[in-house]
Amino acid sequence: KEFMDELYELAEKQKWKDGKWIKAKELLQPIVLQENIENT
């Protein structure tokens, strides 16, 4: 989890705005933040 948090923080610092990253971020963010995904 610490590794995941570090990598995600580094990715966020890049301030990417392209569609490919935005789509990947939508997939990764709930995993990183441990949020609920559609009640799963």
Full PDB file with SEQRES, HELIX, SHEET, SSBOND, CRYST1, ORIGX, SCALE, CONECT and MASTER records, all heavy atoms in Angstrom:
SEQRES   1 A   40  LYS GLU PHE MET ASP GLU LEU TYR GLU LEU ALA GLU LYS          
SEQRES   2 A   40  GLN LYS TRP LYS ASP GLY LYS TRP ILE LYS ALA LYS GLU          
SEQRES   3 A   40  LEU LEU GLN PRO ILE VAL LEU GLN GLU ASN ILE GLU ASN          
SEQRES   4 A   40  THR                                                          
HELIX    1 AA1 GLU A    2  LYS A   13  1                                  12    
HELIX    2 AA2 GLY A   19  LEU A   33  1                                  15    
CRYST1    1.000    1.000    1.000  90.00  90.00  90.00 P 1           1          
ORIGX1      1.000000  0.000000  0.000000        0.00000                         
ORIGX2      0.000000  1.000000  0.000000        0.00000                         
ORIGX3      0.000000  0.000000  1.000000        0.00000                         
SCALE1      1.000000  0.000000  0.000000        0.00000                         
SCALE2      0.000000  1.000000  0.000000        0.00000                         
SCALE3      0.000000  0.000000  1.000000        0.00000                         
ATOM      1  N   LYS A   1       0.825  -1.205   0.000  1.00  0.00           N  
ATOM      2  CA  LYS A   1       0.000   0.000   0.000  1.00  0.00           C  
ATOM      3  C   LYS A   1       0.860   1.257   0.000  1.00  0.00           C  
ATOM      4  O   LYS A   1       0.551   2.231  -0.688  1.00  0.00           O  
ATOM      5  CB  LYS A   1      -0.932   0.016   1.208  1.00  0.00           C  
ATOM      6  CG  LYS A   1      -1.940   1.166   1.153  1.00  0.00           C  
ATOM      7  CD  LYS A   1      -2.921   1.127   2.293  1.00  0.00           C  
ATOM      8  CE  LYS A   1      -4.007   2.173   2.110  1.00  0.00           C  
ATOM      9  NZ  LYS A   1      -3.470   3.534   1.909  1.00  0.00           N  
ATOM     10  N   GLU A   2       1.955   1.218   0.756  1.00  0.00           N  
ATOM     11  CA  GLU A   2       2.853   2.369   0.769  1.00  0.00           C  
ATOM     12  C   GLU A   2       3.442   2.612  -0.626  1.00  0.00           C  
ATOM     13  O   GLU A   2       3.565   3.760  -1.078  1.00  0.00           O  
ATOM     14  CB  GLU A   2       3.978   2.145   1.782  1.00  0.00           C  
ATOM     15  CG  GLU A   2       3.543   2.173   3.229  1.00  0.00           C  
ATOM     16  CD  GLU A   2       3.061   0.828   3.744  1.00  0.00           C  
ATOM     17  OE1 GLU A   2       2.745  -0.061   2.913  1.00  0.00           O  
ATOM     18  OE2 GLU A   2       2.993   0.652   4.979  1.00  0.00           O  
ATOM     19  N   PHE A   3       3.790   1.524  -1.311  1.00  0.00           N  
ATOM     20  CA  PHE A   3       4.330   1.622  -2.668  1.00  0.00           C  
ATOM     21  C   PHE A   3       3.280   2.201  -3.609  1.00  0.00           C  
ATOM     22  O   PHE A   3       3.571   3.092  -4.424  1.00  0.00           O  
ATOM     23  CB  PHE A   3       4.782   0.232  -3.118  1.00  0.00           C  
ATOM     24  CG  PHE A   3       5.574   0.204  -4.396  1.00  0.00           C  
ATOM     25  CD1 PHE A   3       6.170   1.348  -4.917  1.00  0.00           C  
ATOM     26  CD2 PHE A   3       5.747  -0.995  -5.083  1.00  0.00           C  
ATOM     27  CE1 PHE A   3       6.908   1.305  -6.087  1.00  0.00           C  
ATOM     28  CE2 PHE A   3       6.488  -1.044  -6.258  1.00  0.00           C  
ATOM     29  CZ  PHE A   3       7.061   0.107  -6.758  1.00  0.00           C  
ATOM     30  N   MET A   4       2.040   1.698  -3.514  1.00  0.00           N  
ATOM     31  CA  MET A   4       0.952   2.207  -4.337  1.00  0.00           C  
ATOM     32  C   MET A   4       0.755   3.698  -4.104  1.00  0.00           C  
ATOM     33  O   MET A   4       0.627   4.492  -5.049  1.00  0.00           O  
ATOM     34  CB  MET A   4      -0.342   1.452  -4.030  1.00  0.00           C  
ATOM     35  CG  MET A   4      -1.570   1.977  -4.769  1.00  0.00           C  
ATOM     36  SD  MET A   4      -1.694   1.405  -6.474  1.00  0.00           S  
ATOM     37  CE  MET A   4      -2.536  -0.163  -6.220  1.00  0.00           C  
ATOM     38  N   ASP A   5       0.736   4.115  -2.843  1.00  0.00           N  
ATOM     39  CA  ASP A   5       0.526   5.525  -2.507  1.00  0.00           C  
ATOM     40  C   ASP A   5       1.637   6.397  -3.079  1.00  0.00           C  
ATOM     41  O   ASP A   5       1.375   7.495  -3.608  1.00  0.00           O  
ATOM     42  CB  ASP A   5       0.456   5.705  -0.989  1.00  0.00           C  
ATOM     43  CG  ASP A   5      -0.795   5.097  -0.379  1.00  0.00           C  
ATOM     44  OD1 ASP A   5      -1.751   4.838  -1.141  1.00  0.00           O  
ATOM     45  OD2 ASP A   5      -0.821   4.874   0.843  1.00  0.00           O  
ATOM     46  N   GLU A   6       2.874   5.923  -2.979  1.00  0.00           N  
ATOM     47  CA  GLU A   6       4.011   6.685  -3.500  1.00  0.00           C  
ATOM     48  C   GLU A   6       3.926   6.850  -5.012  1.00  0.00           C  
ATOM     49  O   GLU A   6       4.153   7.951  -5.548  1.00  0.00           O  
ATOM     50  CB  GLU A   6       5.323   5.994  -3.131  1.00  0.00           C  
ATOM     51  CG  GLU A   6       5.710   6.087  -1.673  1.00  0.00           C  
ATOM     52  CD  GLU A   6       7.034   5.394  -1.416  1.00  0.00           C  
ATOM     53  OE1 GLU A   6       8.070   5.964  -1.794  1.00  0.00           O  
ATOM     54  OE2 GLU A   6       7.025   4.275  -0.850  1.00  0.00           O  
ATOM     55  N   LEU A   7       3.605   5.765  -5.710  1.00  0.00           N  
ATOM     56  CA  LEU A   7       3.516   5.823  -7.164  1.00  0.00           C  
ATOM     57  C   LEU A   7       2.369   6.730  -7.610  1.00  0.00           C  
ATOM     58  O   LEU A   7       2.510   7.505  -8.562  1.00  0.00           O  
ATOM     59  CB  LEU A   7       3.317   4.414  -7.738  1.00  0.00           C  
ATOM     60  CG  LEU A   7       4.509   3.463  -7.680  1.00  0.00           C  
ATOM     61  CD1 LEU A   7       4.129   2.119  -8.288  1.00  0.00           C  
ATOM     62  CD2 LEU A   7       5.722   4.039  -8.387  1.00  0.00           C  
ATOM     63  N   TYR A   8       1.253   6.621  -6.928  1.00  0.00           N  
ATOM     64  CA  TYR A   8       0.094   7.442  -7.306  1.00  0.00           C  
ATOM     65  C   TYR A   8       0.383   8.922  -7.057  1.00  0.00           C  
ATOM     66  O   TYR A   8       0.027   9.782  -7.881  1.00  0.00           O  
ATOM     67  CB  TYR A   8      -1.138   7.006  -6.519  1.00  0.00           C  
ATOM     68  CG  TYR A   8      -2.417   7.627  -7.018  1.00  0.00           C  
ATOM     69  CD1 TYR A   8      -3.014   7.167  -8.190  1.00  0.00           C  
ATOM     70  CD2 TYR A   8      -3.019   8.676  -6.336  1.00  0.00           C  
ATOM     71  CE1 TYR A   8      -4.184   7.738  -8.666  1.00  0.00           C  
ATOM     72  CE2 TYR A   8      -4.191   9.243  -6.802  1.00  0.00           C  
ATOM     73  CZ  TYR A   8      -4.767   8.773  -7.974  1.00  0.00           C  
ATOM     74  OH  TYR A   8      -5.925   9.343  -8.441  1.00  0.00           O  
ATOM     75  N   GLU A   9       1.041   9.216  -5.958  1.00  0.00           N  
ATOM     76  CA  GLU A   9       1.419  10.602  -5.672  1.00  0.00           C  
ATOM     77  C   GLU A   9       2.364  11.144  -6.749  1.00  0.00           C  
ATOM     78  O   GLU A   9       2.223  12.286  -7.202  1.00  0.00           O  
ATOM     79  CB  GLU A   9       2.092  10.693  -4.305  1.00  0.00           C  
ATOM     80  CG  GLU A   9       2.506  12.105  -3.914  1.00  0.00           C  
ATOM     81  CD  GLU A   9       3.214  12.159  -2.568  1.00  0.00           C  
ATOM     82  OE1 GLU A   9       3.448  11.088  -1.969  1.00  0.00           O  
ATOM     83  OE2 GLU A   9       3.549  13.271  -2.126  1.00  0.00           O  
ATOM     84  N   LEU A  10       3.301  10.307  -7.159  1.00  0.00           N  
ATOM     85  CA  LEU A  10       4.232  10.714  -8.211  1.00  0.00           C  
ATOM     86  C   LEU A  10       3.501  10.960  -9.529  1.00  0.00           C  
ATOM     87  O   LEU A  10       3.792  11.929 -10.247  1.00  0.00           O  
ATOM     88  CB  LEU A  10       5.295   9.627  -8.397  1.00  0.00           C  
ATOM     89  CG  LEU A  10       6.407   9.909  -9.413  1.00  0.00           C  
ATOM     90  CD1 LEU A  10       7.178  11.168  -9.048  1.00  0.00           C  
ATOM     91  CD2 LEU A  10       7.354   8.705  -9.513  1.00  0.00           C  
ATOM     92  N   ALA A  11       2.542  10.096  -9.838  1.00  0.00           N  
ATOM     93  CA  ALA A  11       1.755  10.278 -11.061  1.00  0.00           C  
ATOM     94  C   ALA A  11       0.954  11.575 -11.008  1.00  0.00           C  
ATOM     95  O   ALA A  11       0.886  12.315 -11.998  1.00  0.00           O  
ATOM     96  CB  ALA A  11       0.822   9.086 -11.261  1.00  0.00           C  
ATOM     97  N   GLU A  12       0.355  11.861  -9.870  1.00  0.00           N  
ATOM     98  CA  GLU A  12      -0.435  13.078  -9.718  1.00  0.00           C  
ATOM     99  C   GLU A  12       0.426  14.335  -9.908  1.00  0.00           C  
ATOM    100  O   GLU A  12      -0.034  15.350 -10.445  1.00  0.00           O  
ATOM    101  CB  GLU A  12      -1.094  13.104  -8.337  1.00  0.00           C  
ATOM    102  CG  GLU A  12      -2.292  12.182  -8.190  1.00  0.00           C  
ATOM    103  CD  GLU A  12      -3.536  12.732  -8.856  1.00  0.00           C  
ATOM    104  OE1 GLU A  12      -3.617  12.645 -10.093  1.00  0.00           O  
ATOM    105  OE2 GLU A  12      -4.406  13.247  -8.133  1.00  0.00           O  
ATOM    106  N   LYS A  13       1.668  14.266  -9.479  1.00  0.00           N  
ATOM    107  CA  LYS A  13       2.571  15.419  -9.607  1.00  0.00           C  
ATOM    108  C   LYS A  13       2.878  15.741 -11.072  1.00  0.00           C  
ATOM    109  O   LYS A  13       3.304  16.859 -11.380  1.00  0.00           O  
ATOM    110  CB  LYS A  13       3.866  15.154  -8.854  1.00  0.00           C  
ATOM    111  CG  LYS A  13       3.734  15.225  -7.341  1.00  0.00           C  
ATOM    112  CD  LYS A  13       5.068  14.962  -6.660  1.00  0.00           C  
ATOM    113  CE  LYS A  13       4.933  15.079  -5.137  1.00  0.00           C  
ATOM    114  NZ  LYS A  13       6.219  14.801  -4.441  1.00  0.00           N  
ATOM    115  N   GLN A  14       2.670  14.769 -11.957  1.00  0.00           N  
ATOM    116  CA  GLN A  14       2.945  15.013 -13.371  1.00  0.00           C  
ATOM    117  C   GLN A  14       1.882  15.891 -14.021  1.00  0.00           C  
ATOM    118  O   GLN A  14       2.095  16.448 -15.093  1.00  0.00           O  
ATOM    119  CB  GLN A  14       3.050  13.684 -14.127  1.00  0.00           C  
ATOM    120  CG  GLN A  14       4.002  12.672 -13.507  1.00  0.00           C  
ATOM    121  CD  GLN A  14       5.377  13.225 -13.233  1.00  0.00           C  
ATOM    122  OE1 GLN A  14       6.017  13.803 -14.119  1.00  0.00           O  
ATOM    123  NE2 GLN A  14       5.854  13.042 -11.997  1.00  0.00           N  
ATOM    124  N   LYS A  15       0.719  15.976 -13.364  1.00  0.00           N  
ATOM    125  CA  LYS A  15      -0.397  16.820 -13.835  1.00  0.00           C  
ATOM    126  C   LYS A  15      -0.795  16.495 -15.283  1.00  0.00           C  
ATOM    127  O   LYS A  15      -1.042  17.375 -16.097  1.00  0.00           O  
ATOM    128  CB  LYS A  15      -0.047  18.311 -13.690  1.00  0.00           C  
ATOM    129  CG  LYS A  15       0.249  18.720 -12.249  1.00  0.00           C  
ATOM    130  CD  LYS A  15       0.423  20.212 -12.124  1.00  0.00           C  
ATOM    131  CE  LYS A  15       0.790  20.603 -10.691  1.00  0.00           C  
ATOM    132  NZ  LYS A  15      -0.224  20.178  -9.703  1.00  0.00           N  
ATOM    133  N   TRP A  16      -0.847  15.188 -15.577  1.00  0.00           N  
ATOM    134  CA  TRP A  16      -1.285  14.772 -16.905  1.00  0.00           C  
ATOM    135  C   TRP A  16      -2.767  15.099 -17.108  1.00  0.00           C  
ATOM    136  O   TRP A  16      -3.584  14.932 -16.193  1.00  0.00           O  
ATOM    137  CB  TRP A  16      -1.081  13.272 -17.078  1.00  0.00           C  
ATOM    138  CG  TRP A  16       0.366  12.861 -17.083  1.00  0.00           C  
ATOM    139  CD1 TRP A  16       1.401  13.473 -17.716  1.00  0.00           C  
ATOM    140  CD2 TRP A  16       0.920  11.718 -16.404  1.00  0.00           C  
ATOM    141  NE1 TRP A  16       2.570  12.801 -17.491  1.00  0.00           N  
ATOM    142  CE2 TRP A  16       2.322  11.718 -16.694  1.00  0.00           C  
ATOM    143  CE3 TRP A  16       0.405  10.705 -15.612  1.00  0.00           C  
ATOM    144  CZ2 TRP A  16       3.182  10.745 -16.211  1.00  0.00           C  
ATOM    145  CZ3 TRP A  16       1.255   9.730 -15.126  1.00  0.00           C  
ATOM    146  CH2 TRP A  16       2.628   9.753 -15.423  1.00  0.00           C  
ATOM    147  N   LYS A  17      -3.112  15.537 -18.298  1.00  0.00           N  
ATOM    148  CA  LYS A  17      -4.491  15.906 -18.613  1.00  0.00           C  
ATOM    149  C   LYS A  17      -5.060  15.100 -19.781  1.00  0.00           C  
ATOM    150  O   LYS A  17      -6.215  15.292 -20.158  1.00  0.00           O  
ATOM    151  CB  LYS A  17      -4.567  17.400 -18.962  1.00  0.00           C  
ATOM    152  CG  LYS A  17      -4.087  18.335 -17.863  1.00  0.00           C  
ATOM    153  CD  LYS A  17      -4.975  18.265 -16.625  1.00  0.00           C  
ATOM    154  CE  LYS A  17      -4.518  19.271 -15.570  1.00  0.00           C  
ATOM    155  NZ  LYS A  17      -5.353  19.184 -14.337  1.00  0.00           N  
ATOM    156  N   ASP A  18      -4.256  14.217 -20.354  1.00  0.00           N  
ATOM    157  CA  ASP A  18      -4.707  13.479 -21.533  1.00  0.00           C  
ATOM    158  C   ASP A  18      -5.762  12.437 -21.161  1.00  0.00           C  
ATOM    159  O   ASP A  18      -5.854  11.978 -20.016  1.00  0.00           O  
ATOM    160  CB  ASP A  18      -3.525  12.799 -22.216  1.00  0.00           C  
ATOM    161  CG  ASP A  18      -2.812  11.816 -21.294  1.00  0.00           C  
ATOM    162  OD1 ASP A  18      -2.042  12.277 -20.427  1.00  0.00           O  
ATOM    163  OD2 ASP A  18      -3.042  10.609 -21.427  1.00  0.00           O  
ATOM    164  N   GLY A  19      -6.550  12.060 -22.153  1.00  0.00           N  
ATOM    165  CA  GLY A  19      -7.649  11.136 -21.936  1.00  0.00           C  
ATOM    166  C   GLY A  19      -7.224   9.763 -21.451  1.00  0.00           C  
ATOM    167  O   GLY A  19      -7.919   9.129 -20.640  1.00  0.00           O  
ATOM    168  N   LYS A  20      -6.060   9.298 -21.904  1.00  0.00           N  
ATOM    169  CA  LYS A  20      -5.587   7.973 -21.504  1.00  0.00           C  
ATOM    170  C   LYS A  20      -5.316   7.929 -20.006  1.00  0.00           C  
ATOM    171  O   LYS A  20      -5.675   6.964 -19.327  1.00  0.00           O  
ATOM    172  CB  LYS A  20      -4.332   7.606 -22.288  1.00  0.00           C  
ATOM    173  CG  LYS A  20      -3.864   6.182 -22.056  1.00  0.00           C  
ATOM    174  CD  LYS A  20      -2.676   5.845 -22.954  1.00  0.00           C  
ATOM    175  CE  LYS A  20      -2.216   4.407 -22.723  1.00  0.00           C  
ATOM    176  NZ  LYS A  20      -1.065   4.058 -23.590  1.00  0.00           N  
ATOM    177  N   TRP A  21      -4.679   8.980 -19.477  1.00  0.00           N  
ATOM    178  CA  TRP A  21      -4.408   9.013 -18.037  1.00  0.00           C  
ATOM    179  C   TRP A  21      -5.695   9.202 -17.242  1.00  0.00           C  
ATOM    180  O   TRP A  21      -5.892   8.582 -16.194  1.00  0.00           O  
ATOM    181  CB  TRP A  21      -3.414  10.110 -17.683  1.00  0.00           C  
ATOM    182  CG  TRP A  21      -3.359  10.366 -16.192  1.00  0.00           C  
ATOM    183  CD1 TRP A  21      -3.728  11.497 -15.532  1.00  0.00           C  
ATOM    184  CD2 TRP A  21      -2.961   9.433 -15.177  1.00  0.00           C  
ATOM    185  NE1 TRP A  21      -3.577  11.345 -14.176  1.00  0.00           N  
ATOM    186  CE2 TRP A  21      -3.103  10.091 -13.927  1.00  0.00           C  
ATOM    187  CE3 TRP A  21      -2.504   8.119 -15.197  1.00  0.00           C  
ATOM    188  CZ2 TRP A  21      -2.815   9.469 -12.717  1.00  0.00           C  
ATOM    189  CZ3 TRP A  21      -2.202   7.496 -13.991  1.00  0.00           C  
ATOM    190  CH2 TRP A  21      -2.353   8.164 -12.768  1.00  0.00           C  
ATOM    191  N   ILE A  22      -6.584  10.064 -17.732  1.00  0.00           N  
ATOM    192  CA  ILE A  22      -7.837  10.298 -17.025  1.00  0.00           C  
ATOM    193  C   ILE A  22      -8.632   8.992 -16.896  1.00  0.00           C  
ATOM    194  O   ILE A  22      -9.193   8.694 -15.834  1.00  0.00           O  
ATOM    195  CB  ILE A  22      -8.675  11.373 -17.745  1.00  0.00           C  
ATOM    196  CG1 ILE A  22      -7.993  12.741 -17.601  1.00  0.00           C  
ATOM    197  CG2 ILE A  22     -10.092  11.434 -17.169  1.00  0.00           C  
ATOM    198  CD1 ILE A  22      -8.638  13.836 -18.423  1.00  0.00           C  
ATOM    199  N   LYS A  23      -8.636   8.201 -17.960  1.00  0.00           N  
ATOM    200  CA  LYS A  23      -9.334   6.909 -17.915  1.00  0.00           C  
ATOM    201  C   LYS A  23      -8.647   5.969 -16.929  1.00  0.00           C  
ATOM    202  O   LYS A  23      -9.313   5.275 -16.148  1.00  0.00           O  
ATOM    203  CB  LYS A  23      -9.355   6.303 -19.311  1.00  0.00           C  
ATOM    204  CG  LYS A  23     -10.146   5.011 -19.396  1.00  0.00           C  
ATOM    205  CD  LYS A  23     -10.209   4.497 -20.834  1.00  0.00           C  
ATOM    206  CE  LYS A  23     -11.016   3.209 -20.916  1.00  0.00           C  
ATOM    207  NZ  LYS A  23     -11.082   2.707 -22.325  1.00  0.00           N  
ATOM    208  N   ALA A  24      -7.306   5.935 -16.954  1.00  0.00           N  
ATOM    209  CA  ALA A  24      -6.563   5.081 -16.027  1.00  0.00           C  
ATOM    210  C   ALA A  24      -6.766   5.534 -14.590  1.00  0.00           C  
ATOM    211  O   ALA A  24      -6.906   4.712 -13.672  1.00  0.00           O  
ATOM    212  CB  ALA A  24      -5.079   5.103 -16.382  1.00  0.00           C  
ATOM    213  N   LYS A  25      -6.821   6.843 -14.386  1.00  0.00           N  
ATOM    214  CA  LYS A  25      -7.004   7.388 -13.048  1.00  0.00           C  
ATOM    215  C   LYS A  25      -8.368   6.992 -12.477  1.00  0.00           C  
ATOM    216  O   LYS A  25      -8.487   6.685 -11.280  1.00  0.00           O  
ATOM    217  CB  LYS A  25      -6.859   8.909 -13.080  1.00  0.00           C  
ATOM    218  CG  LYS A  25      -6.976   9.576 -11.716  1.00  0.00           C  
ATOM    219  CD  LYS A  25      -6.744  11.073 -11.821  1.00  0.00           C  
ATOM    220  CE  LYS A  25      -6.925  11.744 -10.471  1.00  0.00           C  
ATOM    221  NZ  LYS A  25      -6.683  13.210 -10.548  1.00  0.00           N  
ATOM    222  N   GLU A  26      -9.382   6.996 -13.320  1.00  0.00           N  
ATOM    223  CA  GLU A  26     -10.714   6.589 -12.875  1.00  0.00           C  
ATOM    224  C   GLU A  26     -10.711   5.142 -12.383  1.00  0.00           C  
ATOM    225  O   GLU A  26     -11.441   4.790 -11.464  1.00  0.00           O  
ATOM    226  CB  GLU A  26     -11.719   6.755 -14.011  1.00  0.00           C  
ATOM    227  CG  GLU A  26     -12.023   8.211 -14.351  1.00  0.00           C  
ATOM    228  CD  GLU A  26     -12.941   8.346 -15.543  1.00  0.00           C  
ATOM    229  OE1 GLU A  26     -13.221   7.321 -16.207  1.00  0.00           O  
ATOM    230  OE2 GLU A  26     -13.369   9.480 -15.840  1.00  0.00           O  
ATOM    231  N   LEU A  27      -9.883   4.317 -13.009  1.00  0.00           N  
ATOM    232  CA  LEU A  27      -9.756   2.920 -12.611  1.00  0.00           C  
ATOM    233  C   LEU A  27      -8.950   2.784 -11.321  1.00  0.00           C  
ATOM    234  O   LEU A  27      -9.307   2.010 -10.425  1.00  0.00           O  
ATOM    235  CB  LEU A  27      -9.078   2.131 -13.736  1.00  0.00           C  
ATOM    236  CG  LEU A  27      -8.723   0.670 -13.452  1.00  0.00           C  
ATOM    237  CD1 LEU A  27      -9.995  -0.169 -13.364  1.00  0.00           C  
ATOM    238  CD2 LEU A  27      -7.810   0.127 -14.536  1.00  0.00           C  
ATOM    239  N   LEU A  28      -7.873   3.549 -11.221  1.00  0.00           N  
ATOM    240  CA  LEU A  28      -6.921   3.382 -10.122  1.00  0.00           C  
ATOM    241  C   LEU A  28      -7.309   4.110  -8.835  1.00  0.00           C  
ATOM    242  O   LEU A  28      -7.031   3.620  -7.740  1.00  0.00           O  
ATOM    243  CB  LEU A  28      -5.544   3.880 -10.571  1.00  0.00           C  
ATOM    244  CG  LEU A  28      -4.840   3.044 -11.633  1.00  0.00           C  
ATOM    245  CD1 LEU A  28      -3.709   3.835 -12.266  1.00  0.00           C  
ATOM    246  CD2 LEU A  28      -4.304   1.758 -11.019  1.00  0.00           C  
ATOM    247  N   GLN A  29      -7.949   5.257  -8.967  1.00  0.00           N  
ATOM    248  CA  GLN A  29      -8.193   6.083  -7.781  1.00  0.00           C  
ATOM    249  C   GLN A  29      -8.973   5.377  -6.676  1.00  0.00           C  
ATOM    250  O   GLN A  29      -8.579   5.446  -5.506  1.00  0.00           O  
ATOM    251  CB  GLN A  29      -8.885   7.381  -8.178  1.00  0.00           C  
ATOM    252  CG  GLN A  29      -8.974   8.388  -7.031  1.00  0.00           C  
ATOM    253  CD  GLN A  29      -9.554   9.716  -7.497  1.00  0.00           C  
ATOM    254  OE1 GLN A  29     -10.610   9.753  -8.134  1.00  0.00           O  
ATOM    255  NE2 GLN A  29      -8.864  10.800  -7.189  1.00  0.00           N  
ATOM    256  N   PRO A  30     -10.059   4.660  -6.998  1.00  0.00           N  
ATOM    257  CA  PRO A  30     -10.767   3.954  -5.914  1.00  0.00           C  
ATOM    258  C   PRO A  30      -9.908   2.890  -5.243  1.00  0.00           C  
ATOM    259  O   PRO A  30     -10.054   2.637  -4.047  1.00  0.00           O  
ATOM    260  CB  PRO A  30     -11.974   3.332  -6.632  1.00  0.00           C  
ATOM    261  CG  PRO A  30     -12.141   4.147  -7.870  1.00  0.00           C  
ATOM    262  CD  PRO A  30     -10.752   4.535  -8.281  1.00  0.00           C  
ATOM    263  N   ILE A  31      -9.006   2.266  -6.013  1.00  0.00           N  
ATOM    264  CA  ILE A  31      -8.122   1.257  -5.445  1.00  0.00           C  
ATOM    265  C   ILE A  31      -7.125   1.915  -4.492  1.00  0.00           C  
ATOM    266  O   ILE A  31      -6.885   1.420  -3.385  1.00  0.00           O  
ATOM    267  CB  ILE A  31      -7.358   0.509  -6.563  1.00  0.00           C  
ATOM    268  CG1 ILE A  31      -8.319  -0.002  -7.639  1.00  0.00           C  
ATOM    269  CG2 ILE A  31      -6.523  -0.613  -5.978  1.00  0.00           C  
ATOM    270  CD1 ILE A  31      -9.342  -0.981  -7.157  1.00  0.00           C  
ATOM    271  N   VAL A  32      -6.572   3.028  -4.920  1.00  0.00           N  
ATOM    272  CA  VAL A  32      -5.592   3.743  -4.102  1.00  0.00           C  
ATOM    273  C   VAL A  32      -6.238   4.280  -2.830  1.00  0.00           C  
ATOM    274  O   VAL A  32      -5.696   4.136  -1.725  1.00  0.00           O  
ATOM    275  CB  VAL A  32      -4.966   4.904  -4.895  1.00  0.00           C  
ATOM    276  CG1 VAL A  32      -4.028   5.719  -4.005  1.00  0.00           C  
ATOM    277  CG2 VAL A  32      -4.207   4.368  -6.106  1.00  0.00           C  
ATOM    278  N   LEU A  33      -7.411   4.868  -2.977  1.00  0.00           N  
ATOM    279  CA  LEU A  33      -8.091   5.488  -1.836  1.00  0.00           C  
ATOM    280  C   LEU A  33      -8.949   4.497  -1.057  1.00  0.00           C  
ATOM    281  O   LEU A  33      -9.505   4.847  -0.020  1.00  0.00           O  
ATOM    282  CB  LEU A  33      -8.963   6.647  -2.323  1.00  0.00           C  
ATOM    283  CG  LEU A  33      -8.225   7.772  -3.067  1.00  0.00           C  
ATOM    284  CD1 LEU A  33      -9.199   8.849  -3.499  1.00  0.00           C  
ATOM    285  CD2 LEU A  33      -7.120   8.362  -2.207  1.00  0.00           C  
ATOM    286  N   GLN A  34      -9.049   3.257  -1.579  1.00  0.00           N  
ATOM    287  CA  GLN A  34      -9.856   2.211  -0.940  1.00  0.00           C  
ATOM    288  C   GLN A  34     -11.316   2.632  -0.792  1.00  0.00           C  
ATOM    289  O   GLN A  34     -11.963   2.417   0.231  1.00  0.00           O  
ATOM    290  CB  GLN A  34      -9.259   1.841   0.421  1.00  0.00           C  
ATOM    291  CG  GLN A  34      -7.869   1.222   0.339  1.00  0.00           C  
ATOM    292  CD  GLN A  34      -7.902  -0.181  -0.244  1.00  0.00           C  
ATOM    293  OE1 GLN A  34      -8.159  -1.151   0.450  1.00  0.00           O  
ATOM    294  NE2 GLN A  34      -7.641  -0.285  -1.542  1.00  0.00           N  
ATOM    295  N   GLU A  35     -11.828   3.227  -1.852  1.00  0.00           N  
ATOM    296  CA  GLU A  35     -13.215   3.655  -1.862  1.00  0.00           C  
ATOM    297  C   GLU A  35     -14.107   2.537  -2.376  1.00  0.00           C  
ATOM    298  O   GLU A  35     -13.663   1.629  -3.075  1.00  0.00           O  
ATOM    299  CB  GLU A  35     -13.383   4.885  -2.760  1.00  0.00           C  
ATOM    300  CG  GLU A  35     -12.661   6.127  -2.236  1.00  0.00           C  
ATOM    301  CD  GLU A  35     -12.761   7.285  -3.209  1.00  0.00           C  
ATOM    302  OE1 GLU A  35     -12.998   7.036  -4.412  1.00  0.00           O  
ATOM    303  OE2 GLU A  35     -12.576   8.429  -2.773  1.00  0.00           O  
ATOM    304  N   ASN A  36     -15.388   2.658  -2.059  1.00  0.00           N  
ATOM    305  CA  ASN A  36     -16.373   1.697  -2.542  1.00  0.00           C  
ATOM    306  C   ASN A  36     -16.587   1.865  -4.044  1.00  0.00           C  
ATOM    307  O   ASN A  36     -16.658   2.975  -4.550  1.00  0.00           O  
ATOM    308  CB  ASN A  36     -17.705   1.934  -1.808  1.00  0.00           C  
ATOM    309  CG  ASN A  36     -18.616   0.733  -1.871  1.00  0.00           C  
ATOM    310  OD1 ASN A  36     -18.413  -0.176  -2.652  1.00  0.00           O  
ATOM    311  ND2 ASN A  36     -19.629   0.732  -1.045  1.00  0.00           N  
ATOM    312  N   ILE A  37     -16.663   0.746  -4.766  1.00  0.00           N  
ATOM    313  CA  ILE A  37     -16.953   0.773  -6.191  1.00  0.00           C  
ATOM    314  C   ILE A  37     -18.255   0.020  -6.433  1.00  0.00           C  
ATOM    315  O   ILE A  37     -18.298  -1.196  -6.357  1.00  0.00           O  
ATOM    316  CB  ILE A  37     -15.840   0.104  -7.017  1.00  0.00           C  
ATOM    317  CG1 ILE A  37     -14.483   0.775  -6.748  1.00  0.00           C  
ATOM    318  CG2 ILE A  37     -16.159   0.172  -8.499  1.00  0.00           C  
ATOM    319  CD1 ILE A  37     -13.346   0.121  -7.487  1.00  0.00           C  
ATOM    320  N   GLU A  38     -19.321   0.770  -6.695  1.00  0.00           N  
ATOM    321  CA  GLU A  38     -20.612   0.155  -6.995  1.00  0.00           C  
ATOM    322  C   GLU A  38     -20.976  -0.920  -5.977  1.00  0.00           C  
ATOM    323  O   GLU A  38     -21.377  -2.032  -6.320  1.00  0.00           O  
ATOM    324  CB  GLU A  38     -20.609  -0.433  -8.418  1.00  0.00           C  
ATOM    325  CG  GLU A  38     -20.438   0.617  -9.496  1.00  0.00           C  
ATOM    326  CD  GLU A  38     -20.455   0.040 -10.899  1.00  0.00           C  
ATOM    327  OE1 GLU A  38     -20.466  -1.199 -11.011  1.00  0.00           O  
ATOM    328  OE2 GLU A  38     -20.456   0.811 -11.852  1.00  0.00           O  
ATOM    329  N   ASN A  39     -20.764  -0.578  -4.708  1.00  0.00           N  
ATOM    330  CA  ASN A  39     -21.152  -1.466  -3.616  1.00  0.00           C  
ATOM    331  C   ASN A  39     -20.332  -2.752  -3.568  1.00  0.00           C  
ATOM    332  O   ASN A  39     -20.756  -3.763  -3.016  1.00  0.00           O  
ATOM    333  CB  ASN A  39     -22.630  -1.835  -3.710  1.00  0.00           C  
ATOM    334  CG  ASN A  39     -23.285  -1.838  -2.342  1.00  0.00           C  
ATOM    335  OD1 ASN A  39     -22.799  -1.198  -1.417  1.00  0.00           O  
ATOM    336  ND2 ASN A  39     -24.379  -2.557  -2.217  1.00  0.00           N  
ATOM    337  N   THR A  40     -19.151  -2.738  -4.169  1.00  0.00           N  
ATOM    338  CA  THR A  40     -18.266  -3.896  -4.187  1.00  0.00           C  
ATOM    339  C   THR A  40     -17.015  -3.595  -3.397  1.00  0.00           C  
ATOM    340  O   THR A  40     -16.416  -2.554  -3.552  1.00  0.00           O  
ATOM    341  CB  THR A  40     -17.890  -4.271  -5.634  1.00  0.00           C  
ATOM    342  OG1 THR A  40     -19.090  -4.569  -6.335  1.00  0.00           O  
ATOM    343  CG2 THR A  40     -16.981  -5.480  -5.665  1.00  0.00           C  
TER     344      THR A  40                                                      
MASTER        0    0    0    2    0    0    0    6  343    1    0    4          
END                                                                             
